Amino acid sequence: MKKYLALPILFFSSFLYSQTTLKFNGASALVGVPNIGFETSIGEKTTFQLDALASFWESVNDKPYKVFIITPEVRYHFKEKFNGFYLGANVSGGTFKLQKYGYEGTGRYQKGYNVIFGLTAGYQWKLNDKWGVDIFIGGGHQEAIYKGYEANGDRYDTWIHEWNKSGEMVLYRGGVMITYKIK
């Protein structure tokens, strides 16, 4: 039991006693999709970021657009932590209710779960001792399982099997994070 408690205790103690920034994505907020997170130091030039993105829209152009994605990411900073160019590797997971590409004009939408293996590239600027900016973009390979629905809520894909599956390369991260150093 002790070994299962060690990892969360180690993680939270590093969060409390290392340099940590809180983040808010101003670009995604402009379109009504909040993206918040934190980034904390885990090595000389490495950091760990955890962020969540959520959309609660019941209808965008008469189509549902509900998305929740959580992304843990390890970043390597080439200059110094929290300043300059970095690359990150992540595994995201989420849930969605939206109209996938290829279904435009049909009234059909899909509801399911996904996992994404991806990379992020970005650049951070320190504005002063507390504030900064993080501009980033990321993409990767998504695997999803989902069910398909007509606009009235009836399943349109029951003749296939219980779950549909898809895999594709996608751009799924990006924006301008406003950062605030808390430690």
N, C-alpha and C. Protein backbone atom coordinates (compact mmCIF):
# COMPACT_ATOMS: atom_id res chain seq x y z
N MET A 1 0.81 -1.19 0.00
CA MET A 1 0.00 0.00 0.00
C MET A 1 0.86 1.26 0.00
N LYS A 2 2.01 1.21 0.72
CA LYS A 2 2.88 2.37 0.81
C LYS A 2 3.43 2.77 -0.55
N LYS A 3 3.77 1.78 -1.39
CA LYS A 3 4.34 2.12 -2.69
C LYS A 3 3.31 2.79 -3.60
N TYR A 4 2.01 2.53 -3.42
CA TYR A 4 0.97 3.19 -4.22
C TYR A 4 0.75 4.63 -3.77
N LEU A 5 1.03 4.94 -2.52
CA LEU A 5 0.89 6.29 -2.02
C LEU A 5 2.13 7.14 -2.32
N ALA A 6 3.25 6.52 -2.56
CA ALA A 6 4.51 7.26 -2.76
C ALA A 6 4.47 8.16 -3.99
N LEU A 7 3.95 7.68 -5.10
CA LEU A 7 3.95 8.47 -6.33
C LEU A 7 3.09 9.74 -6.21
N PRO A 8 1.83 9.65 -5.75
CA PRO A 8 1.07 10.89 -5.59
C PRO A 8 1.69 11.86 -4.58
N ILE A 9 2.25 11.34 -3.50
CA ILE A 9 2.88 12.21 -2.50
C ILE A 9 4.10 12.89 -3.11
N LEU A 10 4.91 12.16 -3.86
CA LEU A 10 6.07 12.73 -4.53
C LEU A 10 5.65 13.81 -5.53
N PHE A 11 4.63 13.52 -6.30
CA PHE A 11 4.14 14.49 -7.30
C PHE A 11 3.67 15.78 -6.62
N PHE A 12 2.81 15.67 -5.63
CA PHE A 12 2.28 16.87 -4.99
C PHE A 12 3.33 17.62 -4.18
N SER A 13 4.31 16.92 -3.61
CA SER A 13 5.37 17.63 -2.91
C SER A 13 6.25 18.39 -3.89
N SER A 14 6.48 17.84 -5.09
CA SER A 14 7.25 18.58 -6.10
C SER A 14 6.45 19.80 -6.56
N PHE A 15 5.14 19.69 -6.64
CA PHE A 15 4.28 20.82 -7.01
C PHE A 15 4.37 21.93 -5.95
N LEU A 16 4.38 21.56 -4.68
CA LEU A 16 4.38 22.55 -3.62
C LEU A 16 5.73 23.23 -3.43
N TYR A 17 6.84 22.52 -3.74
CA TYR A 17 8.16 23.06 -3.43
C TYR A 17 9.00 23.40 -4.65
N SER A 18 8.42 23.45 -5.82
CA SER A 18 9.18 23.81 -7.01
C SER A 18 8.50 24.97 -7.73
N GLN A 19 9.21 25.50 -8.72
CA GLN A 19 8.65 26.60 -9.50
C GLN A 19 7.42 26.10 -10.24
N THR A 20 6.29 26.81 -10.08
CA THR A 20 5.03 26.40 -10.67
C THR A 20 4.30 27.61 -11.23
N THR A 21 3.69 27.43 -12.40
CA THR A 21 2.90 28.50 -13.00
C THR A 21 1.48 28.00 -13.26
N LEU A 22 0.53 28.89 -13.07
CA LEU A 22 -0.86 28.64 -13.46
C LEU A 22 -1.05 29.24 -14.83
N LYS A 23 -1.93 28.62 -15.66
CA LYS A 23 -2.08 29.04 -17.05
C LYS A 23 -3.54 29.12 -17.45
N PHE A 24 -3.80 30.07 -18.36
CA PHE A 24 -5.14 30.25 -18.91
C PHE A 24 -4.98 30.57 -20.39
N ASN A 25 -5.66 29.80 -21.26
CA ASN A 25 -5.53 29.97 -22.70
C ASN A 25 -6.48 31.07 -23.17
N GLY A 26 -5.93 32.23 -23.45
CA GLY A 26 -6.74 33.35 -23.92
C GLY A 26 -7.34 33.13 -25.28
N ALA A 27 -6.62 32.43 -26.18
CA ALA A 27 -7.13 32.20 -27.54
C ALA A 27 -8.35 31.30 -27.53
N SER A 28 -8.32 30.20 -26.79
CA SER A 28 -9.48 29.30 -26.76
C SER A 28 -10.66 29.94 -26.01
N ALA A 29 -10.37 30.77 -25.02
CA ALA A 29 -11.44 31.44 -24.28
C ALA A 29 -12.24 32.37 -25.19
N LEU A 30 -11.58 32.97 -26.18
CA LEU A 30 -12.28 33.87 -27.10
C LEU A 30 -13.39 33.17 -27.88
N VAL A 31 -13.26 31.85 -28.08
CA VAL A 31 -14.30 31.10 -28.79
C VAL A 31 -15.15 30.26 -27.83
N GLY A 32 -15.08 30.58 -26.52
CA GLY A 32 -15.94 29.93 -25.54
C GLY A 32 -15.52 28.52 -25.17
N VAL A 33 -14.22 28.22 -25.29
CA VAL A 33 -13.71 26.90 -24.94
C VAL A 33 -12.58 27.09 -23.93
N PRO A 34 -12.88 27.08 -22.62
CA PRO A 34 -11.83 27.32 -21.63
C PRO A 34 -10.77 26.22 -21.61
N ASN A 35 -9.52 26.64 -21.41
CA ASN A 35 -8.36 25.75 -21.33
C ASN A 35 -7.49 26.28 -20.20
N ILE A 36 -7.42 25.53 -19.09
CA ILE A 36 -6.63 25.96 -17.94
C ILE A 36 -5.65 24.86 -17.57
N GLY A 37 -4.60 25.23 -16.85
CA GLY A 37 -3.64 24.22 -16.43
C GLY A 37 -2.59 24.79 -15.51
N PHE A 38 -1.60 23.95 -15.21
CA PHE A 38 -0.44 24.38 -14.46
C PHE A 38 0.78 23.69 -15.04
N GLU A 39 1.95 24.30 -14.84
CA GLU A 39 3.22 23.72 -15.27
C GLU A 39 4.18 23.84 -14.09
N THR A 40 4.89 22.76 -13.80
CA THR A 40 5.80 22.75 -12.66
C THR A 40 7.14 22.13 -13.05
N SER A 41 8.17 22.56 -12.41
CA SER A 41 9.53 22.09 -12.68
C SER A 41 9.71 20.67 -12.18
N ILE A 42 10.35 19.82 -13.01
CA ILE A 42 10.67 18.45 -12.57
C ILE A 42 12.13 18.11 -12.82
N GLY A 43 12.89 19.02 -13.40
CA GLY A 43 14.31 18.79 -13.67
C GLY A 43 14.98 20.07 -14.09
N GLU A 44 16.26 19.97 -14.44
CA GLU A 44 17.03 21.17 -14.80
C GLU A 44 16.43 21.91 -15.98
N LYS A 45 16.00 21.19 -17.02
CA LYS A 45 15.39 21.81 -18.19
C LYS A 45 14.05 21.18 -18.55
N THR A 46 13.48 20.43 -17.63
CA THR A 46 12.21 19.75 -17.90
C THR A 46 11.12 20.23 -16.95
N THR A 47 9.89 20.21 -17.49
CA THR A 47 8.72 20.58 -16.70
C THR A 47 7.61 19.57 -16.99
N PHE A 48 6.63 19.58 -16.11
CA PHE A 48 5.43 18.78 -16.29
C PHE A 48 4.25 19.74 -16.34
N GLN A 49 3.42 19.61 -17.38
CA GLN A 49 2.22 20.44 -17.47
C GLN A 49 1.00 19.52 -17.48
N LEU A 50 -0.03 19.95 -16.77
CA LEU A 50 -1.32 19.26 -16.80
C LEU A 50 -2.35 20.31 -17.12
N ASP A 51 -3.11 20.10 -18.20
CA ASP A 51 -4.15 21.06 -18.52
C ASP A 51 -5.42 20.35 -18.97
N ALA A 52 -6.51 21.08 -18.90
CA ALA A 52 -7.81 20.56 -19.30
C ALA A 52 -8.48 21.58 -20.21
N LEU A 53 -9.15 21.07 -21.23
CA LEU A 53 -9.90 21.89 -22.18
C LEU A 53 -11.32 21.36 -22.20
N ALA A 54 -12.30 22.27 -22.18
CA ALA A 54 -13.69 21.83 -22.18
C ALA A 54 -14.56 22.77 -23.01
N SER A 55 -15.48 22.18 -23.73
CA SER A 55 -16.49 22.92 -24.47
C SER A 55 -17.84 22.39 -24.03
N PHE A 56 -18.75 23.29 -23.71
CA PHE A 56 -20.05 22.89 -23.20
C PHE A 56 -21.18 23.27 -24.15
N TRP A 57 -20.86 23.52 -25.40
CA TRP A 57 -21.84 24.02 -26.36
C TRP A 57 -22.84 22.93 -26.76
N GLU A 58 -24.12 23.20 -26.51
CA GLU A 58 -25.18 22.27 -26.95
C GLU A 58 -25.34 22.34 -28.46
N SER A 59 -25.08 23.52 -29.05
CA SER A 59 -25.25 23.66 -30.49
C SER A 59 -24.33 24.75 -31.04
N VAL A 60 -23.56 24.38 -32.05
CA VAL A 60 -22.77 25.32 -32.84
C VAL A 60 -23.15 25.03 -34.29
N ASN A 61 -23.81 25.99 -34.93
CA ASN A 61 -24.34 25.77 -36.29
C ASN A 61 -25.27 24.55 -36.34
N ASP A 62 -26.13 24.44 -35.33
CA ASP A 62 -27.12 23.35 -35.21
C ASP A 62 -26.49 21.97 -35.01
N LYS A 63 -25.26 21.92 -34.51
CA LYS A 63 -24.57 20.66 -34.22
C LYS A 63 -24.02 20.72 -32.79
N PRO A 64 -24.06 19.61 -32.05
CA PRO A 64 -23.48 19.63 -30.70
C PRO A 64 -21.96 19.79 -30.78
N TYR A 65 -21.38 20.47 -29.79
CA TYR A 65 -19.94 20.59 -29.70
C TYR A 65 -19.54 20.57 -28.23
N LYS A 66 -19.57 19.34 -27.67
CA LYS A 66 -19.17 19.13 -26.29
C LYS A 66 -17.90 18.30 -26.30
N VAL A 67 -16.87 18.84 -25.67
CA VAL A 67 -15.57 18.19 -25.65
C VAL A 67 -14.95 18.38 -24.28
N PHE A 68 -14.30 17.33 -23.76
CA PHE A 68 -13.47 17.46 -22.57
C PHE A 68 -12.20 16.68 -22.82
N ILE A 69 -11.05 17.35 -22.71
CA ILE A 69 -9.76 16.70 -22.93
C ILE A 69 -8.85 17.07 -21.77
N ILE A 70 -8.19 16.08 -21.20
CA ILE A 70 -7.18 16.32 -20.17
C ILE A 70 -5.83 15.85 -20.73
N THR A 71 -4.80 16.69 -20.55
CA THR A 71 -3.51 16.43 -21.17
C THR A 71 -2.37 16.56 -20.17
N PRO A 72 -1.77 15.44 -19.76
CA PRO A 72 -0.50 15.50 -19.03
C PRO A 72 0.64 15.53 -20.05
N GLU A 73 1.63 16.40 -19.82
CA GLU A 73 2.70 16.56 -20.80
C GLU A 73 4.03 16.80 -20.09
N VAL A 74 5.10 16.19 -20.62
CA VAL A 74 6.46 16.45 -20.17
C VAL A 74 7.11 17.32 -21.24
N ARG A 75 7.75 18.41 -20.80
CA ARG A 75 8.35 19.36 -21.73
C ARG A 75 9.85 19.48 -21.49
N TYR A 76 10.58 19.63 -22.59
CA TYR A 76 12.02 19.90 -22.53
C TYR A 76 12.24 21.31 -23.05
N HIS A 77 12.84 22.16 -22.23
CA HIS A 77 13.11 23.56 -22.57
C HIS A 77 14.57 23.68 -23.00
N PHE A 78 14.81 24.20 -24.19
CA PHE A 78 16.15 24.26 -24.74
C PHE A 78 17.00 25.36 -24.10
N LYS A 79 16.41 26.48 -23.70
CA LYS A 79 17.16 27.59 -23.12
C LYS A 79 17.16 27.46 -21.60
N GLU A 80 16.02 27.72 -21.01
CA GLU A 80 15.81 27.56 -19.58
C GLU A 80 14.32 27.29 -19.36
N LYS A 81 14.00 26.70 -18.22
CA LYS A 81 12.60 26.42 -17.92
C LYS A 81 11.79 27.70 -17.93
N PHE A 82 10.59 27.62 -18.51
CA PHE A 82 9.62 28.71 -18.54
C PHE A 82 10.09 29.92 -19.36
N ASN A 83 11.09 29.72 -20.23
CA ASN A 83 11.57 30.82 -21.04
C ASN A 83 12.26 30.25 -22.28
N GLY A 84 11.72 30.57 -23.46
CA GLY A 84 12.33 30.12 -24.70
C GLY A 84 11.58 28.96 -25.34
N PHE A 85 12.23 28.36 -26.35
CA PHE A 85 11.63 27.28 -27.13
C PHE A 85 11.60 25.97 -26.34
N TYR A 86 10.52 25.19 -26.53
CA TYR A 86 10.41 23.88 -25.89
C TYR A 86 9.69 22.90 -26.80
N LEU A 87 9.89 21.63 -26.53
CA LEU A 87 9.14 20.54 -27.15
C LEU A 87 8.53 19.70 -26.03
N GLY A 88 7.32 19.20 -26.26
CA GLY A 88 6.65 18.38 -25.25
C GLY A 88 6.08 17.12 -25.85
N ALA A 89 5.97 16.09 -25.02
CA ALA A 89 5.33 14.83 -25.40
C ALA A 89 4.18 14.59 -24.43
N ASN A 90 3.02 14.15 -24.98
CA ASN A 90 1.85 13.99 -24.13
C ASN A 90 0.99 12.82 -24.57
N VAL A 91 0.14 12.41 -23.65
CA VAL A 91 -0.92 11.44 -23.92
C VAL A 91 -2.20 12.06 -23.37
N SER A 92 -3.11 12.40 -24.26
CA SER A 92 -4.36 13.04 -23.86
C SER A 92 -5.49 12.03 -23.88
N GLY A 93 -6.48 12.28 -23.08
CA GLY A 93 -7.67 11.46 -23.09
C GLY A 93 -8.89 12.34 -22.94
N GLY A 94 -9.99 11.91 -23.54
CA GLY A 94 -11.16 12.75 -23.44
C GLY A 94 -12.45 12.08 -23.86
N THR A 95 -13.48 12.89 -23.86
CA THR A 95 -14.80 12.47 -24.28
C THR A 95 -15.36 13.56 -25.20
N PHE A 96 -16.26 13.18 -26.10
CA PHE A 96 -16.79 14.16 -27.05
C PHE A 96 -18.21 13.82 -27.47
N LYS A 97 -18.92 14.86 -27.89
CA LYS A 97 -20.23 14.76 -28.54
C LYS A 97 -20.22 15.87 -29.58
N LEU A 98 -19.97 15.51 -30.84
CA LEU A 98 -19.80 16.49 -31.91
C LEU A 98 -20.03 15.85 -33.26
N GLN A 99 -20.03 16.66 -34.29
CA GLN A 99 -20.17 16.14 -35.65
C GLN A 99 -18.78 16.03 -36.25
N LYS A 100 -18.36 14.80 -36.55
CA LYS A 100 -17.05 14.57 -37.15
C LYS A 100 -17.06 15.05 -38.60
N TYR A 101 -15.85 15.29 -39.12
CA TYR A 101 -15.73 15.68 -40.52
C TYR A 101 -16.33 14.58 -41.41
N GLY A 102 -16.85 14.98 -42.54
CA GLY A 102 -17.49 14.04 -43.45
C GLY A 102 -18.99 13.89 -43.23
N TYR A 103 -19.52 14.46 -42.16
CA TYR A 103 -20.95 14.35 -41.86
C TYR A 103 -21.67 15.68 -42.01
N GLU A 104 -21.00 16.69 -42.59
CA GLU A 104 -21.61 18.00 -42.75
C GLU A 104 -22.91 17.88 -43.55
N GLY A 105 -23.95 18.59 -43.12
CA GLY A 105 -25.22 18.61 -43.82
C GLY A 105 -26.11 17.40 -43.59
N THR A 106 -25.67 16.44 -42.76
CA THR A 106 -26.46 15.23 -42.54
C THR A 106 -27.31 15.30 -41.28
N GLY A 107 -26.97 16.17 -40.34
CA GLY A 107 -27.67 16.20 -39.05
C GLY A 107 -27.16 15.14 -38.10
N ARG A 108 -26.26 14.28 -38.54
CA ARG A 108 -25.72 13.22 -37.69
C ARG A 108 -24.57 13.76 -36.84
N TYR A 109 -24.41 13.14 -35.65
CA TYR A 109 -23.30 13.48 -34.78
C TYR A 109 -22.79 12.22 -34.11
N GLN A 110 -21.64 12.33 -33.47
CA GLN A 110 -20.99 11.20 -32.84
C GLN A 110 -20.71 11.52 -31.37
N LYS A 111 -20.75 10.46 -30.55
CA LYS A 111 -20.52 10.60 -29.12
C LYS A 111 -19.62 9.46 -28.68
N GLY A 112 -18.48 9.81 -28.03
CA GLY A 112 -17.57 8.74 -27.63
C GLY A 112 -16.39 9.22 -26.81
N TYR A 113 -15.31 8.44 -26.90
CA TYR A 113 -14.10 8.65 -26.10
C TYR A 113 -12.89 8.57 -27.01
N ASN A 114 -11.82 9.27 -26.60
CA ASN A 114 -10.61 9.20 -27.40
C ASN A 114 -9.36 9.24 -26.54
N VAL A 115 -8.27 8.80 -27.15
CA VAL A 115 -6.93 8.93 -26.58
C VAL A 115 -6.05 9.45 -27.71
N ILE A 116 -5.14 10.37 -27.36
CA ILE A 116 -4.28 10.99 -28.37
C ILE A 116 -2.84 10.94 -27.88
N PHE A 117 -1.96 10.47 -28.73
CA PHE A 117 -0.53 10.46 -28.46
C PHE A 117 0.08 11.58 -29.30
N GLY A 118 0.69 12.58 -28.66
CA GLY A 118 1.10 13.74 -29.44
C GLY A 118 2.34 14.45 -28.97
N LEU A 119 2.70 15.45 -29.77
CA LEU A 119 3.85 16.32 -29.51
C LEU A 119 3.38 17.77 -29.55
N THR A 120 4.04 18.60 -28.77
CA THR A 120 3.75 20.03 -28.72
C THR A 120 5.05 20.79 -28.95
N ALA A 121 4.96 21.88 -29.70
CA ALA A 121 6.08 22.81 -29.85
C ALA A 121 5.59 24.18 -29.40
N GLY A 122 6.44 24.90 -28.69
CA GLY A 122 6.02 26.20 -28.21
C GLY A 122 7.16 27.09 -27.82
N TYR A 123 6.80 28.31 -27.46
CA TYR A 123 7.78 29.30 -27.04
C TYR A 123 7.18 30.10 -25.89
N GLN A 124 7.98 30.25 -24.84
CA GLN A 124 7.53 31.00 -23.67
C GLN A 124 8.37 32.26 -23.50
N TRP A 125 7.68 33.35 -23.08
CA TRP A 125 8.34 34.61 -22.75
C TRP A 125 8.03 34.96 -21.32
N LYS A 126 9.06 35.39 -20.59
CA LYS A 126 8.85 35.96 -19.27
C LYS A 126 8.60 37.44 -19.45
N LEU A 127 7.46 37.92 -19.00
CA LEU A 127 7.17 39.35 -19.08
C LEU A 127 7.75 40.10 -17.88
N ASN A 128 7.71 39.46 -16.70
CA ASN A 128 8.33 39.97 -15.48
C ASN A 128 8.49 38.78 -14.54
N ASP A 129 8.71 39.03 -13.25
CA ASP A 129 8.93 37.93 -12.30
C ASP A 129 7.72 37.01 -12.12
N LYS A 130 6.53 37.51 -12.36
CA LYS A 130 5.32 36.72 -12.14
C LYS A 130 4.58 36.32 -13.41
N TRP A 131 4.55 37.17 -14.42
CA TRP A 131 3.72 36.97 -15.60
C TRP A 131 4.52 36.53 -16.81
N GLY A 132 3.87 35.73 -17.68
CA GLY A 132 4.50 35.28 -18.91
C GLY A 132 3.47 34.92 -19.96
N VAL A 133 3.96 34.55 -21.13
CA VAL A 133 3.13 34.15 -22.26
C VAL A 133 3.71 32.85 -22.82
N ASP A 134 2.84 31.93 -23.18
CA ASP A 134 3.23 30.63 -23.75
C ASP A 134 2.41 30.42 -25.03
N ILE A 135 3.08 30.47 -26.19
CA ILE A 135 2.42 30.24 -27.48
C ILE A 135 2.79 28.82 -27.91
N PHE A 136 1.79 28.01 -28.28
CA PHE A 136 2.07 26.60 -28.57
C PHE A 136 1.11 26.04 -29.61
N ILE A 137 1.54 24.93 -30.22
CA ILE A 137 0.69 24.15 -31.12
C ILE A 137 1.09 22.69 -30.96
N GLY A 138 0.10 21.80 -31.07
CA GLY A 138 0.39 20.39 -30.91
C GLY A 138 -0.54 19.52 -31.73
N GLY A 139 -0.05 18.37 -32.07
CA GLY A 139 -0.84 17.41 -32.83
C GLY A 139 -0.34 16.01 -32.55
N GLY A 140 -1.08 15.05 -33.09
CA GLY A 140 -0.68 13.67 -32.88
C GLY A 140 -1.68 12.71 -33.47
N HIS A 141 -1.58 11.47 -33.03
CA HIS A 141 -2.44 10.40 -33.53
C HIS A 141 -3.56 10.14 -32.53
N GLN A 142 -4.80 10.25 -33.01
CA GLN A 142 -5.98 10.02 -32.19
C GLN A 142 -6.60 8.67 -32.51
N GLU A 143 -6.98 7.96 -31.48
CA GLU A 143 -7.79 6.74 -31.60
C GLU A 143 -9.09 7.01 -30.85
N ALA A 144 -10.22 6.77 -31.50
CA ALA A 144 -11.50 7.05 -30.88
C ALA A 144 -12.45 5.87 -31.02
N ILE A 145 -13.31 5.72 -30.04
CA ILE A 145 -14.46 4.82 -30.13
C ILE A 145 -15.69 5.69 -29.91
N TYR A 146 -16.74 5.44 -30.69
CA TYR A 146 -17.91 6.30 -30.61
C TYR A 146 -19.13 5.59 -31.17
N LYS A 147 -20.28 6.18 -30.86
CA LYS A 147 -21.56 5.75 -31.41
C LYS A 147 -22.10 6.90 -32.24
N GLY A 148 -22.82 6.58 -33.32
CA GLY A 148 -23.37 7.61 -34.19
C GLY A 148 -24.85 7.80 -33.95
N TYR A 149 -25.29 9.07 -34.01
CA TYR A 149 -26.68 9.42 -33.73
C TYR A 149 -27.25 10.33 -34.80
N GLU A 150 -28.54 10.18 -35.05
CA GLU A 150 -29.29 11.12 -35.89
C GLU A 150 -29.59 12.36 -35.04
N ALA A 151 -30.00 13.44 -35.67
CA ALA A 151 -30.31 14.68 -34.96
C ALA A 151 -31.37 14.47 -33.89
N ASN A 152 -32.30 13.50 -34.09
CA ASN A 152 -33.36 13.25 -33.11
C ASN A 152 -32.91 12.34 -31.96
N GLY A 153 -31.65 11.89 -31.97
CA GLY A 153 -31.12 11.05 -30.90
C GLY A 153 -31.13 9.57 -31.18
N ASP A 154 -31.74 9.11 -32.30
CA ASP A 154 -31.74 7.69 -32.64
C ASP A 154 -30.38 7.30 -33.19
N ARG A 155 -29.96 6.05 -32.90
CA ARG A 155 -28.69 5.55 -33.44
C ARG A 155 -28.84 5.31 -34.93
N TYR A 156 -27.85 5.72 -35.74
CA TYR A 156 -27.86 5.45 -37.17
C TYR A 156 -26.93 4.30 -37.55
N ASP A 157 -26.15 3.80 -36.61
CA ASP A 157 -25.12 2.83 -36.93
C ASP A 157 -25.28 1.49 -36.22
N THR A 158 -26.49 1.13 -35.79
CA THR A 158 -26.69 -0.10 -35.04
C THR A 158 -26.43 -1.34 -35.88
N TRP A 159 -26.49 -1.22 -37.19
CA TRP A 159 -26.25 -2.36 -38.07
C TRP A 159 -24.75 -2.71 -38.15
N ILE A 160 -23.88 -1.80 -37.71
CA ILE A 160 -22.44 -2.06 -37.79
C ILE A 160 -22.01 -2.93 -36.62
N HIS A 161 -22.03 -2.40 -35.45
CA HIS A 161 -21.66 -3.06 -34.20
C HIS A 161 -21.88 -2.07 -33.07
N GLU A 162 -21.54 -2.45 -31.87
CA GLU A 162 -21.80 -1.57 -30.74
C GLU A 162 -21.02 -0.26 -30.81
N TRP A 163 -19.73 -0.31 -31.14
CA TRP A 163 -18.90 0.89 -31.19
C TRP A 163 -18.24 1.03 -32.54
N ASN A 164 -18.18 2.25 -33.04
CA ASN A 164 -17.37 2.57 -34.21
C ASN A 164 -15.97 2.90 -33.71
N LYS A 165 -14.99 2.76 -34.60
CA LYS A 165 -13.61 3.08 -34.25
C LYS A 165 -13.02 3.91 -35.35
N SER A 166 -12.15 4.85 -34.98
CA SER A 166 -11.44 5.62 -35.99
C SER A 166 -10.08 6.01 -35.45
N GLY A 167 -9.18 6.24 -36.36
CA GLY A 167 -7.85 6.71 -36.01
C GLY A 167 -7.39 7.69 -37.06
N GLU A 168 -6.85 8.81 -36.62
CA GLU A 168 -6.40 9.82 -37.57
C GLU A 168 -5.36 10.72 -36.93
N MET A 169 -4.60 11.40 -37.76
CA MET A 169 -3.67 12.42 -37.31
C MET A 169 -4.47 13.72 -37.18
N VAL A 170 -4.30 14.42 -36.06
CA VAL A 170 -5.07 15.64 -35.82
C VAL A 170 -4.20 16.70 -35.13
N LEU A 171 -4.50 17.96 -35.42
CA LEU A 171 -4.00 19.07 -34.61
C LEU A 171 -5.05 19.27 -33.52
N TYR A 172 -4.67 19.18 -32.27
CA TYR A 172 -5.67 19.24 -31.20
C TYR A 172 -5.28 20.16 -30.06
N ARG A 173 -4.15 20.81 -30.15
CA ARG A 173 -3.72 21.73 -29.10
C ARG A 173 -3.20 22.99 -29.74
N GLY A 174 -3.40 24.09 -29.09
CA GLY A 174 -2.83 25.33 -29.57
C GLY A 174 -3.41 26.51 -28.86
N GLY A 175 -2.65 27.61 -28.91
CA GLY A 175 -3.18 28.82 -28.32
C GLY A 175 -2.12 29.71 -27.74
N VAL A 176 -2.59 30.63 -26.95
CA VAL A 176 -1.74 31.60 -26.26
C VAL A 176 -2.12 31.54 -24.78
N MET A 177 -1.27 30.91 -23.99
CA MET A 177 -1.50 30.80 -22.56
C MET A 177 -0.93 32.02 -21.85
N ILE A 178 -1.73 32.60 -20.99
CA ILE A 178 -1.25 33.64 -20.08
C ILE A 178 -0.82 32.89 -18.82
N THR A 179 0.43 33.11 -18.37
CA THR A 179 0.95 32.35 -17.25
C THR A 179 1.20 33.26 -16.03
N TYR A 180 0.99 32.68 -14.86
CA TYR A 180 1.24 33.39 -13.60
C TYR A 180 2.04 32.49 -12.69
N LYS A 181 3.22 32.92 -12.30
CA LYS A 181 4.11 32.14 -11.44
C LYS A 181 3.64 32.25 -9.98
N ILE A 182 3.33 31.08 -9.38
CA ILE A 182 2.88 31.10 -7.99
C ILE A 182 4.01 30.74 -7.02
N LYS A 183 5.06 30.13 -7.51
CA LYS A 183 6.22 29.77 -6.66
C LYS A 183 7.48 30.16 -7.36
